[in-house]
Amino acid sequence: MFEEFSSGYYFGRLYVEPVDGDRALMQRAQHEHVNEQLYATGEGVERLDTPLVMKLDNRHFPVHGEEGVPSDTLAVPEDLLDDGVRNPPSLREVLLAKADRASQLLRLSGSTDPPAGT
């Protein structure tokens, strides 16, 4: 789903669709899988429900897992979509912040749930 992109990000493509609400969401099982594969350190018991931090267009935002979101889909509140999404869902390139970068971004945003391994 995601591949190495730079020192701070992974690169992926997800279907993006607008959603009512104030949080960006993806399918819970995929969210936990990505958390385990890319954020977990493998040391001790680690949470797999901490927010992932993604960048779409010019915005960073936390992404939470939720039942009912289709697989390979990023459901984003409309106010976070810079150019809107025409004919949703629309396949888009997204960046996923690596654990240390995500932790930094979440701290700057005031979140209390830093990714595992930070």
C-alpha atoms as a PDB file:
ATOM      1  CA  MET A   1       0.000   0.000   0.000  1.00  0.00           C
ATOM      2  CA  PHE A   2       2.868   2.379   0.878  1.00  0.00           C
ATOM      3  CA  GLU A   3       6.470   2.425  -0.278  1.00  0.00           C
ATOM      4  CA  GLU A   4       9.589   4.296   0.807  1.00  0.00           C
ATOM      5  CA  PHE A   5       9.586   7.824  -0.595  1.00  0.00           C
ATOM      6  CA  SER A   6      11.960  10.045   1.379  1.00  0.00           C
ATOM      7  CA  SER A   7      13.562  10.368   4.790  1.00  0.00           C
ATOM      8  CA  GLY A   8      10.258  11.602   6.221  1.00  0.00           C
ATOM      9  CA  TYR A   9       7.521   9.965   4.161  1.00  0.00           C
ATOM     10  CA  TYR A  10       6.095   6.872   2.524  1.00  0.00           C
ATOM     11  CA  PHE A  11       4.219   7.208  -0.769  1.00  0.00           C
ATOM     12  CA  GLY A  12       0.921   5.560  -1.667  1.00  0.00           C
ATOM     13  CA  ARG A  13      -2.234   5.842  -3.717  1.00  0.00           C
ATOM     14  CA  LEU A  14      -5.660   5.708  -2.115  1.00  0.00           C
ATOM     15  CA  TYR A  15      -9.168   6.442  -3.236  1.00  0.00           C
ATOM     16  CA  VAL A  16     -10.147   9.744  -1.660  1.00  0.00           C
ATOM     17  CA  GLU A  17     -13.747  10.603  -0.941  1.00  0.00           C
ATOM     18  CA  PRO A  18     -15.338  13.400   1.044  1.00  0.00           C
ATOM     19  CA  VAL A  19     -16.962  12.464   4.335  1.00  0.00           C
ATOM     20  CA  ASP A  20     -19.201  14.243   6.823  1.00  0.00           C
ATOM     21  CA  GLY A  21     -17.494  14.734  10.150  1.00  0.00           C
ATOM     22  CA  ASP A  22     -14.314  16.269  11.443  1.00  0.00           C
ATOM     23  CA  ARG A  23     -11.838  13.361  11.187  1.00  0.00           C
ATOM     24  CA  ALA A  24     -10.108  11.681   8.278  1.00  0.00           C
ATOM     25  CA  LEU A  25     -10.737   7.936   8.270  1.00  0.00           C
ATOM     26  CA  MET A  26      -9.621   4.706   6.656  1.00  0.00           C
ATOM     27  CA  GLN A  27     -10.712   1.101   7.086  1.00  0.00           C
ATOM     28  CA  ARG A  28      -9.838  -0.024  10.629  1.00  0.00           C
ATOM     29  CA  ALA A  29      -8.073  -3.258   9.597  1.00  0.00           C
ATOM     30  CA  GLN A  30      -5.892  -1.428   7.066  1.00  0.00           C
ATOM     31  CA  HIS A  31      -5.199   1.350   9.580  1.00  0.00           C
ATOM     32  CA  GLU A  32      -3.991  -1.206  12.136  1.00  0.00           C
ATOM     33  CA  HIS A  33      -1.932  -3.040   9.506  1.00  0.00           C
ATOM     34  CA  VAL A  34      -0.180   0.159   8.393  1.00  0.00           C
ATOM     35  CA  ASN A  35       0.372   1.141  12.041  1.00  0.00           C
ATOM     36  CA  GLU A  36       1.942  -2.249  12.763  1.00  0.00           C
ATOM     37  CA  GLN A  37       4.074  -2.364   9.609  1.00  0.00           C
ATOM     38  CA  LEU A  38       5.318   1.225   9.492  1.00  0.00           C
ATOM     39  CA  TYR A  39       5.010   2.751  12.976  1.00  0.00           C
ATOM     40  CA  ALA A  40       5.555  -0.123  15.425  1.00  0.00           C
ATOM     41  CA  THR A  41       9.039  -0.823  16.760  1.00  0.00           C
ATOM     42  CA  GLY A  42       8.457  -4.483  17.605  1.00  0.00           C
ATOM     43  CA  GLU A  43       9.362  -3.879  21.232  1.00  0.00           C
ATOM     44  CA  GLY A  44       6.789  -4.734  23.874  1.00  0.00           C
ATOM     45  CA  VAL A  45       3.063  -4.086  23.593  1.00  0.00           C
ATOM     46  CA  GLU A  46       2.264  -1.295  21.152  1.00  0.00           C
ATOM     47  CA  ARG A  47      -0.960   0.473  20.293  1.00  0.00           C
ATOM     48  CA  LEU A  48      -2.176   0.015  16.736  1.00  0.00           C
ATOM     49  CA  ASP A  49      -4.934   2.627  16.947  1.00  0.00           C
ATOM     50  CA  THR A  50      -2.804   5.763  17.133  1.00  0.00           C
ATOM     51  CA  PRO A  51      -3.465   8.176  14.285  1.00  0.00           C
ATOM     52  CA  LEU A  52      -1.502   7.899  11.078  1.00  0.00           C
ATOM     53  CA  VAL A  53      -0.414  11.254   9.685  1.00  0.00           C
ATOM     54  CA  MET A  54      -1.023  11.741   5.977  1.00  0.00           C
ATOM     55  CA  LYS A  55      -0.407  14.569   3.583  1.00  0.00           C
ATOM     56  CA  LEU A  56      -2.833  15.213   0.756  1.00  0.00           C
ATOM     57  CA  ASP A  57      -2.191  18.202  -1.477  1.00  0.00           C
ATOM     58  CA  ASN A  58      -0.662  20.735   0.931  1.00  0.00           C
ATOM     59  CA  ARG A  59      -2.283  19.580   4.169  1.00  0.00           C
ATOM     60  CA  HIS A  60      -1.200  17.202   6.924  1.00  0.00           C
ATOM     61  CA  PHE A  61      -3.877  15.574   9.061  1.00  0.00           C
ATOM     62  CA  PRO A  62      -4.309  12.626  11.421  1.00  0.00           C
ATOM     63  CA  VAL A  63      -6.122   9.583  10.047  1.00  0.00           C
ATOM     64  CA  HIS A  64      -8.090   7.239  12.293  1.00  0.00           C
ATOM     65  CA  GLY A  65      -9.375   3.709  11.712  1.00  0.00           C
ATOM     66  CA  GLU A  66     -13.114   3.172  11.380  1.00  0.00           C
ATOM     67  CA  GLU A  67     -15.354   0.259  10.475  1.00  0.00           C
ATOM     68  CA  GLY A  68     -17.423   0.807   7.368  1.00  0.00           C
ATOM     69  CA  VAL A  69     -14.814   2.683   5.327  1.00  0.00           C
ATOM     70  CA  PRO A  70     -14.083   0.790   2.090  1.00  0.00           C
ATOM     71  CA  SER A  71     -10.608  -0.721   1.738  1.00  0.00           C
ATOM     72  CA  ASP A  72      -7.949   1.388   0.035  1.00  0.00           C
ATOM     73  CA  THR A  73     -10.026   4.496   0.735  1.00  0.00           C
ATOM     74  CA  LEU A  74      -9.196   7.676   2.596  1.00  0.00           C
ATOM     75  CA  ALA A  75     -12.377   9.424   3.764  1.00  0.00           C
ATOM     76  CA  VAL A  76     -11.540  13.108   4.281  1.00  0.00           C
ATOM     77  CA  PRO A  77     -13.705  15.937   5.638  1.00  0.00           C
ATOM     78  CA  GLU A  78     -14.475  18.335   2.795  1.00  0.00           C
ATOM     79  CA  ASP A  79     -12.828  21.284   4.535  1.00  0.00           C
ATOM     80  CA  LEU A  80      -9.490  19.419   4.349  1.00  0.00           C
ATOM     81  CA  LEU A  81      -9.751  18.897   0.588  1.00  0.00           C
ATOM     82  CA  ASP A  82      -7.961  21.737  -1.204  1.00  0.00           C
ATOM     83  CA  ASP A  83      -9.495  21.255  -4.625  1.00  0.00           C
ATOM     84  CA  GLY A  84     -12.454  19.090  -3.782  1.00  0.00           C
ATOM     85  CA  VAL A  85     -12.915  15.633  -5.190  1.00  0.00           C
ATOM     86  CA  ARG A  86     -14.711  15.264  -8.463  1.00  0.00           C
ATOM     87  CA  ASN A  87     -16.530  12.029  -9.153  1.00  0.00           C
ATOM     88  CA  PRO A  88     -15.672  10.435  -5.803  1.00  0.00           C
ATOM     89  CA  PRO A  89     -13.944   8.303  -4.994  1.00  0.00           C
ATOM     90  CA  SER A  90     -10.901   9.635  -6.839  1.00  0.00           C
ATOM     91  CA  LEU A  91      -7.541   7.787  -6.893  1.00  0.00           C
ATOM     92  CA  ARG A  92      -4.973  10.203  -5.440  1.00  0.00           C
ATOM     93  CA  GLU A  93      -1.342  10.208  -4.407  1.00  0.00           C
ATOM     94  CA  VAL A  94      -0.864  10.574  -0.651  1.00  0.00           C
ATOM     95  CA  LEU A  95       2.141  10.776   1.614  1.00  0.00           C
ATOM     96  CA  LEU A  96       2.265   8.981   4.954  1.00  0.00           C
ATOM     97  CA  ALA A  97       4.594  10.549   7.491  1.00  0.00           C
ATOM     98  CA  LYS A  98       7.144   8.174   9.010  1.00  0.00           C
ATOM     99  CA  ALA A  99       6.835   7.613  12.768  1.00  0.00           C
ATOM    100  CA  ASP A 100       9.299  10.300  13.878  1.00  0.00           C
ATOM    101  CA  ARG A 101       7.892  12.881  11.451  1.00  0.00           C
ATOM    102  CA  ALA A 102       4.308  11.931  12.401  1.00  0.00           C
ATOM    103  CA  SER A 103       5.114  12.351  16.074  1.00  0.00           C
ATOM    104  CA  GLN A 104       6.532  15.805  15.406  1.00  0.00           C
ATOM    105  CA  LEU A 105       3.470  16.828  13.368  1.00  0.00           C
ATOM    106  CA  LEU A 106       1.037  15.501  15.979  1.00  0.00           C
ATOM    107  CA  ARG A 107       2.869  17.346  18.777  1.00  0.00           C
ATOM    108  CA  LEU A 108       2.708  20.574  16.769  1.00  0.00           C
ATOM    109  CA  SER A 109      -1.020  20.067  16.273  1.00  0.00           C
ATOM    110  CA  GLY A 110      -1.562  19.418  19.995  1.00  0.00           C
ATOM    111  CA  SER A 111      -2.425  15.716  19.704  1.00  0.00           C
ATOM    112  CA  THR A 112      -1.854  13.508  22.729  1.00  0.00           C
ATOM    113  CA  ASP A 113      -1.532  10.264  20.718  1.00  0.00           C
ATOM    114  CA  PRO A 114       1.936  10.109  19.155  1.00  0.00           C
ATOM    115  CA  PRO A 115       2.662   7.117  16.903  1.00  0.00           C
ATOM    116  CA  ALA A 116       4.343   4.055  18.369  1.00  0.00           C
ATOM    117  CA  GLY A 117       8.112   4.090  18.381  1.00  0.00           C
ATOM    118  CA  THR A 118       8.443   7.793  19.121  1.00  0.00           C
END
